[in-house]
Amino acid sequence: MTVVINVALFQLGWFACVLGAAHGLPWIGPLAAVAIIAWHLAHATRRRPELALAAGALLAGAIFDSLLLQTGWIHFNAGVLIAGMAPIWMMSLWAIFATSLNVSLRWMRTRPGLAVILGALGGPLAYYSGARLGALSFTAVRPALAVIALGWAVLTPALLAAARRFDGYAQP
C-alpha cells in the first residue's frame, strides 16, 4: 500500500507543481511538495537519510535545470525567483521525485542499465508534458528533449545509487 500511496502522492505533486506554474500560481507546487515530503518522512524508518536524499536531489535538479535555462534550451513561464536559476516549483519536483527512489522506484536501484533507459525516456516525457500544460517552453523542441534525455540518463542512475546510501525505508 505504501508504494501505491507513494506513486499517487508523486503524481499529485507533479500536477500541483506544473499546473500551478502554468496558471501563474508557482507557490502551489512547493506547498504540496512540503506536505508530500512531510508524509514521506513521517513514514520512513529513518528520516535523516531520506531528508538528505531529497536535499541532494533538489540540488542536483536545481543545477541541471538552471543549466538548461542558462544555455537557452528551456524557459520557465513562472516562479523564477533568481534570474538564471530554476524556479522553486521545478526544484520542488526534484525533491518529491526523491521520495519515490526508496519506495516505488526501489526495484530499479539494482538495475542501472534500465535506470538509464527509463531516465532517458521519462525525463523528456515529463518536460514535454509540462510544456504542453504551459509551465515551460523550449527554444527548439527536439534538440532540447535530446539534451534533457542525456541529463536524465545520467541523473536517474546517479540518484538511485544515492538512494541505496541514503535509504530511510530499509528494514532494520
Protein backbone atom coordinates (compact mmCIF):
# COMPACT_ATOMS: atom_id res chain seq x y z
CA MET A 1 0.00 0.00 0.00
CA THR A 2 2.92 2.36 0.69
CA VAL A 3 4.02 2.03 -2.94
CA VAL A 4 0.57 2.94 -4.25
CA ILE A 5 0.37 5.97 -1.94
CA ASN A 6 3.92 6.99 -2.95
CA VAL A 7 3.03 6.88 -6.65
CA ALA A 8 -0.23 8.76 -6.07
CA LEU A 9 1.46 11.46 -3.99
CA PHE A 10 4.22 11.90 -6.56
CA GLN A 11 1.66 12.32 -9.35
CA LEU A 12 -0.38 14.73 -7.24
CA GLY A 13 2.78 16.74 -6.51
CA TRP A 14 3.79 16.76 -10.17
CA PHE A 15 0.42 18.15 -11.22
CA ALA A 16 0.41 20.70 -8.38
CA CYS A 17 3.84 21.97 -9.43
CA VAL A 18 3.22 22.01 -13.18
CA LEU A 19 -0.37 23.24 -13.21
CA GLY A 20 0.36 25.79 -10.51
CA ALA A 21 3.20 27.22 -12.59
CA ALA A 22 1.13 27.04 -15.78
CA HIS A 23 -1.64 29.07 -14.18
CA GLY A 24 0.59 31.72 -12.60
CA LEU A 25 0.49 30.15 -9.13
CA PRO A 26 4.02 28.72 -8.82
CA TRP A 27 3.84 28.58 -4.99
CA ILE A 28 1.17 25.83 -5.02
CA GLY A 29 3.68 23.16 -6.06
CA PRO A 30 6.19 23.89 -3.31
CA LEU A 31 3.39 23.86 -0.72
CA ALA A 32 2.24 20.47 -2.00
CA ALA A 33 5.85 19.26 -2.02
CA VAL A 34 6.30 20.20 1.64
CA ALA A 35 3.19 18.20 2.54
CA ILE A 36 4.30 15.21 0.44
CA ILE A 37 7.80 15.21 1.90
CA ALA A 38 6.39 15.53 5.42
CA TRP A 39 4.16 12.49 4.82
CA HIS A 40 7.11 10.62 3.32
CA LEU A 41 9.37 11.41 6.28
CA ALA A 42 6.66 10.51 8.78
CA HIS A 43 6.51 7.01 7.29
CA ALA A 44 10.26 6.45 6.95
CA THR A 45 12.02 4.18 9.42
CA ARG A 46 14.88 6.73 9.44
CA ARG A 47 14.09 10.31 8.48
CA ARG A 48 17.56 11.84 8.22
CA PRO A 49 18.76 9.78 5.21
CA GLU A 50 15.52 10.47 3.33
CA LEU A 51 15.80 14.18 4.03
CA ALA A 52 19.41 14.16 2.84
CA LEU A 53 18.37 12.32 -0.33
CA ALA A 54 15.61 14.86 -1.02
CA ALA A 55 18.04 17.74 -0.46
CA GLY A 56 20.63 16.14 -2.74
CA ALA A 57 18.07 15.52 -5.49
CA LEU A 58 16.81 19.09 -5.17
CA LEU A 59 20.37 20.41 -5.51
CA ALA A 60 21.19 18.16 -8.49
CA GLY A 61 17.94 19.11 -10.19
CA ALA A 62 18.42 22.80 -9.49
CA ILE A 63 21.85 22.67 -11.12
CA PHE A 64 20.61 20.66 -14.11
CA ASP A 65 17.53 22.79 -14.75
CA SER A 66 19.45 26.03 -14.18
CA LEU A 67 21.97 24.89 -16.80
CA LEU A 68 19.11 24.11 -19.21
CA LEU A 69 17.75 27.60 -18.56
CA GLN A 70 21.11 29.38 -18.83
CA THR A 71 22.01 27.62 -22.07
CA GLY A 72 18.64 28.56 -23.54
CA TRP A 73 17.19 25.09 -24.04
CA ILE A 74 14.17 25.81 -21.87
CA HIS A 75 12.31 28.80 -20.47
CA PHE A 76 10.15 28.71 -17.38
CA ASN A 77 6.88 30.59 -17.53
CA ALA A 78 6.54 31.30 -13.79
CA GLY A 79 8.26 31.06 -10.44
CA VAL A 80 11.81 32.12 -11.26
CA LEU A 81 12.93 33.95 -8.13
CA ILE A 82 16.56 34.48 -9.16
CA ALA A 83 17.44 35.15 -12.80
CA GLY A 84 19.25 32.20 -14.33
CA MET A 85 18.09 29.78 -11.64
CA ALA A 86 15.44 27.10 -11.96
CA PRO A 87 12.13 28.08 -10.39
CA ILE A 88 11.17 26.88 -6.94
CA TRP A 89 8.35 24.73 -8.30
CA MET A 90 10.81 22.86 -10.52
CA MET A 91 13.21 22.29 -7.62
CA SER A 92 10.24 21.00 -5.63
CA LEU A 93 9.64 18.39 -8.33
CA TRP A 94 13.14 17.05 -7.81
CA ALA A 95 12.59 16.79 -4.07
CA ILE A 96 9.34 14.87 -4.50
CA PHE A 97 10.99 12.67 -7.14
CA ALA A 98 13.48 11.71 -4.41
CA THR A 99 10.58 10.41 -2.28
CA SER A 100 9.99 7.71 -4.90
CA LEU A 101 13.58 6.44 -5.06
CA ASN A 102 13.43 4.22 -1.95
CA VAL A 103 9.75 3.35 -2.25
CA SER A 104 8.07 2.97 -5.65
CA LEU A 105 11.34 3.00 -7.64
CA ARG A 106 13.25 0.80 -5.17
CA TRP A 107 13.11 -2.10 -7.63
CA MET A 108 15.20 -0.08 -10.12
CA ARG A 109 18.07 0.65 -7.72
CA THR A 110 19.94 -2.53 -8.74
CA ARG A 111 19.22 -2.10 -12.45
CA PRO A 112 21.40 0.82 -13.60
CA GLY A 113 21.02 -0.01 -17.30
CA LEU A 114 17.27 0.12 -17.02
CA ALA A 115 17.55 3.33 -14.99
CA VAL A 116 19.49 4.92 -17.84
CA ILE A 117 16.84 3.92 -20.38
CA LEU A 118 13.86 4.90 -18.24
CA GLY A 119 15.52 8.18 -17.27
CA ALA A 120 16.24 8.97 -20.92
CA LEU A 121 12.58 8.33 -21.75
CA GLY A 122 10.76 9.55 -18.64
CA GLY A 123 12.65 12.81 -18.12
CA PRO A 124 11.90 14.26 -21.56
CA LEU A 125 8.32 13.00 -21.38
CA ALA A 126 7.79 14.89 -18.11
CA TYR A 127 9.30 18.12 -19.50
CA TYR A 128 7.34 17.80 -22.74
CA SER A 129 4.13 17.24 -20.77
CA GLY A 130 4.93 20.25 -18.60
CA ALA A 131 5.44 22.33 -21.73
CA ARG A 132 2.15 21.16 -23.22
CA LEU A 133 0.41 22.18 -19.99
CA GLY A 134 2.02 25.64 -20.14
CA ALA A 135 4.61 25.53 -17.35
CA LEU A 136 7.69 25.84 -19.56
CA SER A 137 8.71 26.20 -23.17
CA PHE A 138 11.53 25.04 -25.42
CA THR A 139 13.58 27.09 -27.84
CA ALA A 140 13.95 24.07 -30.13
CA VAL A 141 11.86 21.10 -29.01
CA ARG A 142 13.76 18.09 -30.38
CA PRO A 143 17.30 19.21 -29.50
CA ALA A 144 16.14 20.33 -26.05
CA LEU A 145 14.49 16.97 -25.42
CA ALA A 146 17.68 15.21 -26.54
CA VAL A 147 19.72 17.23 -24.03
CA ILE A 148 17.15 16.51 -21.31
CA ALA A 149 17.24 12.79 -22.19
CA LEU A 150 21.02 12.77 -21.84
CA GLY A 151 20.86 14.53 -18.48
CA TRP A 152 18.18 12.23 -17.12
CA ALA A 153 20.06 9.18 -18.42
CA VAL A 154 22.91 10.23 -16.11
CA LEU A 155 20.90 11.64 -13.20
CA THR A 156 18.43 8.76 -12.77
CA PRO A 157 21.01 6.04 -12.05
CA ALA A 158 23.09 8.50 -10.02
CA LEU A 159 20.12 9.37 -7.81
CA LEU A 160 19.19 5.69 -7.47
CA ALA A 161 22.78 4.96 -6.37
CA ALA A 162 22.50 7.76 -3.81
CA ALA A 163 19.20 6.23 -2.66
CA ARG A 164 21.00 2.99 -1.78
CA ARG A 165 23.28 5.01 0.51
CA PHE A 166 20.53 7.25 1.92
CA ASP A 167 17.79 4.71 2.49
CA GLY A 168 15.41 5.64 5.25
CA TYR A 169 12.93 2.95 4.23
CA ALA A 170 15.28 -0.02 4.66
CA GLN A 171 14.04 -2.61 7.10
CA PRO A 172 16.22 -2.70 10.25
